[in-house]
Amino acid sequence: MSSPNRADSSAAVARFDDWAALARYQDHPQHQTQGRQLLAALINPDTDLLVFDLDTGDDRAKP
């Protein structure tokens, strides 16, 4: 079995502006269904990526 060719891969990104936005998504009663729909939208769900991006601002720069 060969490893996936990164050039043939794609990514879907679900962006959240803050922790409250992420919590609203997770608290939504249909969030698992929404996640499955995002995965289904990928070109190849076996090799493509679904990324959840949370804007943390400058949190990473703080000690």
PDB file of N, CA and C in Angstrom:
ATOM      1  N   MET A   1       0.851  -1.179   0.000  1.00  0.00           N
ATOM      2  CA  MET A   1       0.000   0.000   0.000  1.00  0.00           C
ATOM      3  C   MET A   1       0.890   1.234   0.000  1.00  0.00           C
ATOM      4  N   SER A   2       0.648   2.109  -0.921  1.00  0.00           N
ATOM      5  CA  SER A   2       1.464   3.322  -0.997  1.00  0.00           C
ATOM      6  C   SER A   2       0.853   4.420  -0.140  1.00  0.00           C
ATOM      7  N   SER A   3       1.705   5.341   0.269  1.00  0.00           N
ATOM      8  CA  SER A   3       1.197   6.470   1.045  1.00  0.00           C
ATOM      9  C   SER A   3       0.570   7.482   0.101  1.00  0.00           C
ATOM     10  N   PRO A   4      -0.416   8.241   0.593  1.00  0.00           N
ATOM     11  CA  PRO A   4      -1.099   9.197  -0.278  1.00  0.00           C
ATOM     12  C   PRO A   4      -0.154  10.274  -0.798  1.00  0.00           C
ATOM     13  N   ASN A   5      -0.363  10.658  -2.019  1.00  0.00           N
ATOM     14  CA  ASN A   5       0.399  11.730  -2.643  1.00  0.00           C
ATOM     15  C   ASN A   5      -0.170  13.054  -2.151  1.00  0.00           C
ATOM     16  N   ARG A   6       0.646  13.842  -1.482  1.00  0.00           N
ATOM     17  CA  ARG A   6       0.164  15.105  -0.906  1.00  0.00           C
ATOM     18  C   ARG A   6      -0.375  16.043  -1.986  1.00  0.00           C
ATOM     19  N   ALA A   7       0.127  15.940  -3.202  1.00  0.00           N
ATOM     20  CA  ALA A   7      -0.361  16.803  -4.274  1.00  0.00           C
ATOM     21  C   ALA A   7      -1.806  16.461  -4.637  1.00  0.00           C
ATOM     22  N   ASP A   8      -2.212  15.218  -4.347  1.00  0.00           N
ATOM     23  CA  ASP A   8      -3.568  14.787  -4.654  1.00  0.00           C
ATOM     24  C   ASP A   8      -4.520  15.005  -3.483  1.00  0.00           C
ATOM     25  N   SER A   9      -4.030  15.560  -2.400  1.00  0.00           N
ATOM     26  CA  SER A   9      -4.850  15.760  -1.213  1.00  0.00           C
ATOM     27  C   SER A   9      -5.403  17.178  -1.175  1.00  0.00           C
ATOM     28  N   SER A  10      -6.494  17.322  -0.461  1.00  0.00           N
ATOM     29  CA  SER A  10      -7.060  18.648  -0.243  1.00  0.00           C
ATOM     30  C   SER A  10      -7.454  18.752   1.221  1.00  0.00           C
ATOM     31  N   ALA A  11      -7.865  19.929   1.633  1.00  0.00           N
ATOM     32  CA  ALA A  11      -8.277  20.133   3.018  1.00  0.00           C
ATOM     33  C   ALA A  11      -9.517  21.013   3.045  1.00  0.00           C
ATOM     34  N   ALA A  12     -10.407  20.697   3.953  1.00  0.00           N
ATOM     35  CA  ALA A  12     -11.550  21.554   4.252  1.00  0.00           C
ATOM     36  C   ALA A  12     -11.268  22.169   5.612  1.00  0.00           C
ATOM     37  N   VAL A  13     -11.490  23.454   5.738  1.00  0.00           N
ATOM     38  CA  VAL A  13     -11.180  24.143   6.988  1.00  0.00           C
ATOM     39  C   VAL A  13     -12.460  24.731   7.569  1.00  0.00           C
ATOM     40  N   ALA A  14     -12.748  24.353   8.807  1.00  0.00           N
ATOM     41  CA  ALA A  14     -13.854  24.954   9.555  1.00  0.00           C
ATOM     42  C   ALA A  14     -13.226  25.943  10.528  1.00  0.00           C
ATOM     43  N   ARG A  15     -13.453  27.222  10.304  1.00  0.00           N
ATOM     44  CA  ARG A  15     -12.806  28.259  11.122  1.00  0.00           C
ATOM     45  C   ARG A  15     -13.756  28.771  12.207  1.00  0.00           C
ATOM     46  N   PHE A  16     -13.192  28.983  13.392  1.00  0.00           N
ATOM     47  CA  PHE A  16     -13.940  29.517  14.522  1.00  0.00           C
ATOM     48  C   PHE A  16     -13.215  30.764  15.006  1.00  0.00           C
ATOM     49  N   ASP A  17     -13.952  31.862  15.174  1.00  0.00           N
ATOM     50  CA  ASP A  17     -13.349  33.136  15.570  1.00  0.00           C
ATOM     51  C   ASP A  17     -12.872  33.153  17.011  1.00  0.00           C
ATOM     52  N   ASP A  18     -13.518  32.374  17.855  1.00  0.00           N
ATOM     53  CA  ASP A  18     -13.153  32.376  19.274  1.00  0.00           C
ATOM     54  C   ASP A  18     -13.686  31.106  19.931  1.00  0.00           C
ATOM     55  N   TRP A  19     -13.369  30.959  21.215  1.00  0.00           N
ATOM     56  CA  TRP A  19     -13.794  29.764  21.949  1.00  0.00           C
ATOM     57  C   TRP A  19     -15.313  29.660  21.997  1.00  0.00           C
ATOM     58  N   ALA A  20     -16.012  30.797  22.093  1.00  0.00           N
ATOM     59  CA  ALA A  20     -17.475  30.783  22.156  1.00  0.00           C
ATOM     60  C   ALA A  20     -18.067  30.219  20.865  1.00  0.00           C
ATOM     61  N   ALA A  21     -17.484  30.567  19.727  1.00  0.00           N
ATOM     62  CA  ALA A  21     -17.964  30.042  18.450  1.00  0.00           C
ATOM     63  C   ALA A  21     -17.759  28.534  18.375  1.00  0.00           C
ATOM     64  N   LEU A  22     -16.614  28.060  18.841  1.00  0.00           N
ATOM     65  CA  LEU A  22     -16.362  26.619  18.869  1.00  0.00           C
ATOM     66  C   LEU A  22     -17.346  25.928  19.808  1.00  0.00           C
ATOM     67  N   ALA A  23     -17.606  26.513  20.965  1.00  0.00           N
ATOM     68  CA  ALA A  23     -18.546  25.927  21.924  1.00  0.00           C
ATOM     69  C   ALA A  23     -19.955  25.858  21.332  1.00  0.00           C
ATOM     70  N   ARG A  24     -20.354  26.901  20.592  1.00  0.00           N
ATOM     71  CA  ARG A  24     -21.679  26.883  19.957  1.00  0.00           C
ATOM     72  C   ARG A  24     -21.770  25.731  18.962  1.00  0.00           C
ATOM     73  N   TYR A  25     -20.711  25.507  18.200  1.00  0.00           N
ATOM     74  CA  TYR A  25     -20.699  24.384  17.254  1.00  0.00           C
ATOM     75  C   TYR A  25     -20.804  23.060  18.009  1.00  0.00           C
ATOM     76  N   GLN A  26     -19.986  22.890  19.045  1.00  0.00           N
ATOM     77  CA  GLN A  26     -19.977  21.630  19.786  1.00  0.00           C
ATOM     78  C   GLN A  26     -21.280  21.398  20.542  1.00  0.00           C
ATOM     79  N   ASP A  27     -21.931  22.471  20.999  1.00  0.00           N
ATOM     80  CA  ASP A  27     -23.177  22.347  21.748  1.00  0.00           C
ATOM     81  C   ASP A  27     -24.398  22.161  20.845  1.00  0.00           C
ATOM     82  N   HIS A  28     -24.227  22.409  19.554  1.00  0.00           N
ATOM     83  CA  HIS A  28     -25.343  22.259  18.622  1.00  0.00           C
ATOM     84  C   HIS A  28     -25.740  20.783  18.568  1.00  0.00           C
ATOM     85  N   PRO A  29     -27.039  20.475  18.681  1.00  0.00           N
ATOM     86  CA  PRO A  29     -27.447  19.069  18.725  1.00  0.00           C
ATOM     87  C   PRO A  29     -27.094  18.284  17.460  1.00  0.00           C
ATOM     88  N   GLN A  30     -26.865  18.958  16.363  1.00  0.00           N
ATOM     89  CA  GLN A  30     -26.552  18.266  15.112  1.00  0.00           C
ATOM     90  C   GLN A  30     -25.080  18.384  14.718  1.00  0.00           C
ATOM     91  N   HIS A  31     -24.187  18.699  15.675  1.00  0.00           N
ATOM     92  CA  HIS A  31     -22.794  18.951  15.284  1.00  0.00           C
ATOM     93  C   HIS A  31     -22.132  17.720  14.679  1.00  0.00           C
ATOM     94  N   GLN A  32     -22.495  16.528  15.105  1.00  0.00           N
ATOM     95  CA  GLN A  32     -21.894  15.335  14.504  1.00  0.00           C
ATOM     96  C   GLN A  32     -22.358  15.168  13.059  1.00  0.00           C
ATOM     97  N   THR A  33     -23.620  15.466  12.788  1.00  0.00           N
ATOM     98  CA  THR A  33     -24.129  15.415  11.423  1.00  0.00           C
ATOM     99  C   THR A  33     -23.426  16.459  10.565  1.00  0.00           C
ATOM    100  N   GLN A  34     -23.233  17.658  11.104  1.00  0.00           N
ATOM    101  CA  GLN A  34     -22.531  18.703  10.358  1.00  0.00           C
ATOM    102  C   GLN A  34     -21.096  18.276  10.062  1.00  0.00           C
ATOM    103  N   GLY A  35     -20.436  17.648  11.025  1.00  0.00           N
ATOM    104  CA  GLY A  35     -19.076  17.163  10.813  1.00  0.00           C
ATOM    105  C   GLY A  35     -19.021  16.117   9.711  1.00  0.00           C
ATOM    106  N   ARG A  36     -20.000  15.209   9.693  1.00  0.00           N
ATOM    107  CA  ARG A  36     -20.043  14.195   8.632  1.00  0.00           C
ATOM    108  C   ARG A  36     -20.266  14.847   7.269  1.00  0.00           C
ATOM    109  N   GLN A  37     -21.081  15.905   7.230  1.00  0.00           N
ATOM    110  CA  GLN A  37     -21.309  16.611   5.967  1.00  0.00           C
ATOM    111  C   GLN A  37     -20.030  17.297   5.491  1.00  0.00           C
ATOM    112  N   LEU A  38     -19.254  17.848   6.413  1.00  0.00           N
ATOM    113  CA  LEU A  38     -17.974  18.450   6.036  1.00  0.00           C
ATOM    114  C   LEU A  38     -17.037  17.392   5.471  1.00  0.00           C
ATOM    115  N   LEU A  39     -16.985  16.222   6.115  1.00  0.00           N
ATOM    116  CA  LEU A  39     -16.139  15.136   5.613  1.00  0.00           C
ATOM    117  C   LEU A  39     -16.593  14.677   4.233  1.00  0.00           C
ATOM    118  N   ALA A  40     -17.902  14.592   4.030  1.00  0.00           N
ATOM    119  CA  ALA A  40     -18.431  14.151   2.743  1.00  0.00           C
ATOM    120  C   ALA A  40     -18.093  15.135   1.628  1.00  0.00           C
ATOM    121  N   ALA A  41     -17.877  16.405   1.975  1.00  0.00           N
ATOM    122  CA  ALA A  41     -17.561  17.424   0.977  1.00  0.00           C
ATOM    123  C   ALA A  41     -16.125  17.327   0.472  1.00  0.00           C
ATOM    124  N   LEU A  42     -15.288  16.561   1.165  1.00  0.00           N
ATOM    125  CA  LEU A  42     -13.904  16.406   0.719  1.00  0.00           C
ATOM    126  C   LEU A  42     -13.864  15.619  -0.584  1.00  0.00           C
ATOM    127  N   ILE A  43     -12.854  15.855  -1.389  1.00  0.00           N
ATOM    128  CA  ILE A  43     -12.713  15.151  -2.659  1.00  0.00           C
ATOM    129  C   ILE A  43     -12.469  13.667  -2.414  1.00  0.00           C
ATOM    130  N   ASN A  44     -11.580  13.347  -1.494  1.00  0.00           N
ATOM    131  CA  ASN A  44     -11.264  11.960  -1.160  1.00  0.00           C
ATOM    132  C   ASN A  44     -11.175  11.847   0.358  1.00  0.00           C
ATOM    133  N   PRO A  45     -12.259  11.458   1.031  1.00  0.00           N
ATOM    134  CA  PRO A  45     -12.265  11.418   2.493  1.00  0.00           C
ATOM    135  C   PRO A  45     -11.209  10.496   3.099  1.00  0.00           C
ATOM    136  N   ASP A  46     -10.653   9.564   2.312  1.00  0.00           N
ATOM    137  CA  ASP A  46      -9.623   8.662   2.842  1.00  0.00           C
ATOM    138  C   ASP A  46      -8.269   9.343   2.986  1.00  0.00           C
ATOM    139  N   THR A  47      -7.995  10.361   2.167  1.00  0.00           N
ATOM    140  CA  THR A  47      -6.673  10.993   2.202  1.00  0.00           C
ATOM    141  C   THR A  47      -6.712  12.492   2.490  1.00  0.00           C
ATOM    142  N   ASP A  48      -7.869  13.112   2.332  1.00  0.00           N
ATOM    143  CA  ASP A  48      -7.971  14.554   2.534  1.00  0.00           C
ATOM    144  C   ASP A  48      -8.122  14.881   4.013  1.00  0.00           C
ATOM    145  N   LEU A  49      -7.958  16.134   4.345  1.00  0.00           N
ATOM    146  CA  LEU A  49      -7.969  16.575   5.738  1.00  0.00           C
ATOM    147  C   LEU A  49      -9.157  17.479   6.028  1.00  0.00           C
ATOM    148  N   LEU A  50      -9.724  17.310   7.212  1.00  0.00           N
ATOM    149  CA  LEU A  50     -10.708  18.249   7.733  1.00  0.00           C
ATOM    150  C   LEU A  50     -10.047  18.935   8.910  1.00  0.00           C
ATOM    151  N   VAL A  51      -9.888  20.255   8.825  1.00  0.00           N
ATOM    152  CA  VAL A  51      -9.148  21.017   9.826  1.00  0.00           C
ATOM    153  C   VAL A  51     -10.108  21.941  10.563  1.00  0.00           C
ATOM    154  N   PHE A  52     -10.059  21.905  11.884  1.00  0.00           N
ATOM    155  CA  PHE A  52     -10.805  22.848  12.705  1.00  0.00           C
ATOM    156  C   PHE A  52      -9.811  23.894  13.183  1.00  0.00           C
ATOM    157  N   ASP A  53     -10.025  25.136  12.769  1.00  0.00           N
ATOM    158  CA  ASP A  53      -9.095  26.228  13.043  1.00  0.00           C
ATOM    159  C   ASP A  53      -9.732  27.193  14.037  1.00  0.00           C
ATOM    160  N   LEU A  54      -9.079  27.369  15.175  1.00  0.00           N
ATOM    161  CA  LEU A  54      -9.556  28.290  16.203  1.00  0.00           C
ATOM    162  C   LEU A  54      -8.581  29.447  16.297  1.00  0.00           C
ATOM    163  N   ASP A  55      -9.084  30.652  16.056  1.00  0.00           N
ATOM    164  CA  ASP A  55      -8.237  31.839  16.144  1.00  0.00           C
ATOM    165  C   ASP A  55      -7.917  32.103  17.609  1.00  0.00           C
ATOM    166  N   THR A  56      -6.651  31.937  17.979  1.00  0.00           N
ATOM    167  CA  THR A  56      -6.242  32.141  19.371  1.00  0.00           C
ATOM    168  C   THR A  56      -5.567  33.481  19.566  1.00  0.00           C
ATOM    169  N   GLY A  57      -5.549  34.310  18.532  1.00  0.00           N
ATOM    170  CA  GLY A  57      -4.923  35.629  18.651  1.00  0.00           C
ATOM    171  C   GLY A  57      -3.459  35.499  18.999  1.00  0.00           C
ATOM    172  N   ASP A  58      -3.021  36.225  20.027  1.00  0.00           N
ATOM    173  CA  ASP A  58      -1.619  36.221  20.434  1.00  0.00           C
ATOM    174  C   ASP A  58      -1.329  35.214  21.542  1.00  0.00           C
ATOM    175  N   ASP A  59      -2.270  34.330  21.842  1.00  0.00           N
ATOM    176  CA  ASP A  59      -2.090  33.380  22.944  1.00  0.00           C
ATOM    177  C   ASP A  59      -0.812  32.559  22.808  1.00  0.00           C
ATOM    178  N   ARG A  60      -0.421  32.225  21.583  1.00  0.00           N
ATOM    179  CA  ARG A  60       0.767  31.387  21.395  1.00  0.00           C
ATOM    180  C   ARG A  60       2.054  32.137  21.711  1.00  0.00           C
ATOM    181  N   ALA A  61       2.007  33.452  21.665  1.00  0.00           N
ATOM    182  CA  ALA A  61       3.215  34.244  21.913  1.00  0.00           C
ATOM    183  C   ALA A  61       3.435  34.513  23.397  1.00  0.00           C
ATOM    184  N   LYS A  62       2.427  34.253  24.211  1.00  0.00           N
ATOM    185  CA  LYS A  62       2.550  34.521  25.649  1.00  0.00           C
ATOM    186  C   LYS A  62       3.270  33.370  26.340  1.00  0.00           C
ATOM    187  N   PRO A  63       4.106  33.696  27.339  1.00  0.00           N
ATOM    188  CA  PRO A  63       4.832  32.620  28.040  1.00  0.00           C
ATOM    189  C   PRO A  63       3.915  31.742  28.855  1.00  0.00           C
TER     190      PRO A  63
END
